[in-house]
């Protein structure tokens, strides 16, 4: 498929895509915090850079759109 946007237009659109603090992530964080769960955010030292890290439980959470939307060809 041919890209119909100029490189400048493509760059402008891509710059608006958030990698952190997305609406689903903020909603999940709010729900978990309201239930008393405490976590760390975006741990760069861990593989895959998980969105939420629960050190107490040695668990992580990834809030990835490709997973939630069922994209079969995306690499998670």
C-alpha atoms as a PDB file:
ATOM      1  CA  UNK A   1       0.000   0.000   0.000  1.00  0.00           C
ATOM      2  CA  UNK A   2       1.337   3.407  -0.948  1.00  0.00           C
ATOM      3  CA  UNK A   3       1.520   6.061   1.721  1.00  0.00           C
ATOM      4  CA  UNK A   4      -0.632   9.023   0.687  1.00  0.00           C
ATOM      5  CA  UNK A   5       0.944  11.372   3.253  1.00  0.00           C
ATOM      6  CA  UNK A   6       4.117  13.372   2.899  1.00  0.00           C
ATOM      7  CA  UNK A   7       6.903  12.520   5.348  1.00  0.00           C
ATOM      8  CA  UNK A   8       6.120  15.717   7.288  1.00  0.00           C
ATOM      9  CA  UNK A   9       2.410  14.851   7.523  1.00  0.00           C
ATOM     10  CA  UNK A  10       3.203  11.280   8.582  1.00  0.00           C
ATOM     11  CA  UNK A  11       5.603  12.581  11.233  1.00  0.00           C
ATOM     12  CA  UNK A  12       2.938  14.969  12.550  1.00  0.00           C
ATOM     13  CA  UNK A  13       0.354  12.175  12.841  1.00  0.00           C
ATOM     14  CA  UNK A  14       2.747   9.714  14.430  1.00  0.00           C
ATOM     15  CA  UNK A  15       3.884  12.291  16.997  1.00  0.00           C
ATOM     16  CA  UNK A  16       0.325  12.405  18.339  1.00  0.00           C
ATOM     17  CA  UNK A  17       0.287   8.697  19.193  1.00  0.00           C
ATOM     18  CA  UNK A  18       0.986   8.284  22.874  1.00  0.00           C
ATOM     19  CA  UNK A  19       3.227   5.594  24.234  1.00  0.00           C
ATOM     20  CA  UNK A  20       2.499   6.290  27.891  1.00  0.00           C
ATOM     21  CA  UNK A  21      -0.475   7.463  29.903  1.00  0.00           C
ATOM     22  CA  UNK A  22      -3.077   6.335  27.381  1.00  0.00           C
ATOM     23  CA  UNK A  23      -6.747   6.468  28.369  1.00  0.00           C
ATOM     24  CA  UNK A  24      -7.011   2.696  28.984  1.00  0.00           C
ATOM     25  CA  UNK A  25      -3.824   2.781  31.054  1.00  0.00           C
ATOM     26  CA  UNK A  26      -4.988   5.748  33.147  1.00  0.00           C
ATOM     27  CA  UNK A  27      -8.370   4.079  33.719  1.00  0.00           C
ATOM     28  CA  UNK A  28      -6.757   0.825  34.851  1.00  0.00           C
ATOM     29  CA  UNK A  29      -4.346   2.680  37.125  1.00  0.00           C
ATOM     30  CA  UNK A  30      -7.235   4.579  38.685  1.00  0.00           C
ATOM     31  CA  UNK A  31      -9.208   1.381  39.358  1.00  0.00           C
ATOM     32  CA  UNK A  32      -6.215  -0.440  40.836  1.00  0.00           C
ATOM     33  CA  UNK A  33      -5.226   2.512  43.012  1.00  0.00           C
ATOM     34  CA  UNK A  34      -8.810   2.831  44.300  1.00  0.00           C
ATOM     35  CA  UNK A  35      -8.590  -0.825  45.388  1.00  0.00           C
ATOM     36  CA  UNK A  36      -5.441  -0.111  47.360  1.00  0.00           C
ATOM     37  CA  UNK A  37      -2.934  -1.672  44.969  1.00  0.00           C
ATOM     38  CA  UNK A  38       0.354   0.189  44.646  1.00  0.00           C
ATOM     39  CA  UNK A  39       2.634  -0.064  41.645  1.00  0.00           C
ATOM     40  CA  UNK A  40       5.514   1.495  39.752  1.00  0.00           C
ATOM     41  CA  UNK A  41       5.215   2.863  36.219  1.00  0.00           C
ATOM     42  CA  UNK A  42       7.074   2.033  33.000  1.00  0.00           C
ATOM     43  CA  UNK A  43      10.076   0.179  34.420  1.00  0.00           C
ATOM     44  CA  UNK A  44      12.762   0.574  31.730  1.00  0.00           C
ATOM     45  CA  UNK A  45      15.012  -2.044  33.350  1.00  0.00           C
ATOM     46  CA  UNK A  46      12.493  -4.842  32.764  1.00  0.00           C
ATOM     47  CA  UNK A  47      12.092  -6.629  29.415  1.00  0.00           C
ATOM     48  CA  UNK A  48       9.292  -5.169  27.322  1.00  0.00           C
ATOM     49  CA  UNK A  49       8.957  -2.060  29.511  1.00  0.00           C
ATOM     50  CA  UNK A  50       5.760  -3.058  31.351  1.00  0.00           C
ATOM     51  CA  UNK A  51       3.200  -0.334  32.011  1.00  0.00           C
ATOM     52  CA  UNK A  52       2.601  -1.308  35.639  1.00  0.00           C
ATOM     53  CA  UNK A  53       4.962  -3.145  37.967  1.00  0.00           C
ATOM     54  CA  UNK A  54       3.844  -4.671  41.261  1.00  0.00           C
ATOM     55  CA  UNK A  55       7.134  -5.364  43.099  1.00  0.00           C
ATOM     56  CA  UNK A  56       5.324  -6.750  46.155  1.00  0.00           C
ATOM     57  CA  UNK A  57       3.670  -9.432  44.022  1.00  0.00           C
ATOM     58  CA  UNK A  58       6.505  -9.813  41.486  1.00  0.00           C
ATOM     59  CA  UNK A  59       3.984  -9.158  38.715  1.00  0.00           C
ATOM     60  CA  UNK A  60       3.697  -6.800  35.747  1.00  0.00           C
ATOM     61  CA  UNK A  61       0.870  -5.549  33.526  1.00  0.00           C
ATOM     62  CA  UNK A  62       1.115  -4.529  29.877  1.00  0.00           C
ATOM     63  CA  UNK A  63      -1.704  -2.375  28.494  1.00  0.00           C
ATOM     64  CA  UNK A  64      -1.183  -2.962  24.752  1.00  0.00           C
ATOM     65  CA  UNK A  65      -3.823  -2.043  22.188  1.00  0.00           C
ATOM     66  CA  UNK A  66      -2.768  -4.845  19.825  1.00  0.00           C
ATOM     67  CA  UNK A  67      -3.622  -7.405  22.490  1.00  0.00           C
ATOM     68  CA  UNK A  68      -6.934  -5.834  23.485  1.00  0.00           C
ATOM     69  CA  UNK A  69      -8.022  -5.243  19.873  1.00  0.00           C
ATOM     70  CA  UNK A  70      -7.024  -8.755  18.799  1.00  0.00           C
ATOM     71  CA  UNK A  71      -4.546  -7.755  16.089  1.00  0.00           C
ATOM     72  CA  UNK A  72      -3.112 -11.033  14.871  1.00  0.00           C
ATOM     73  CA  UNK A  73      -0.159  -9.620  12.936  1.00  0.00           C
ATOM     74  CA  UNK A  74       1.250  -7.337  15.669  1.00  0.00           C
ATOM     75  CA  UNK A  75       4.316  -8.199  17.703  1.00  0.00           C
ATOM     76  CA  UNK A  76       3.559  -7.748  21.381  1.00  0.00           C
END
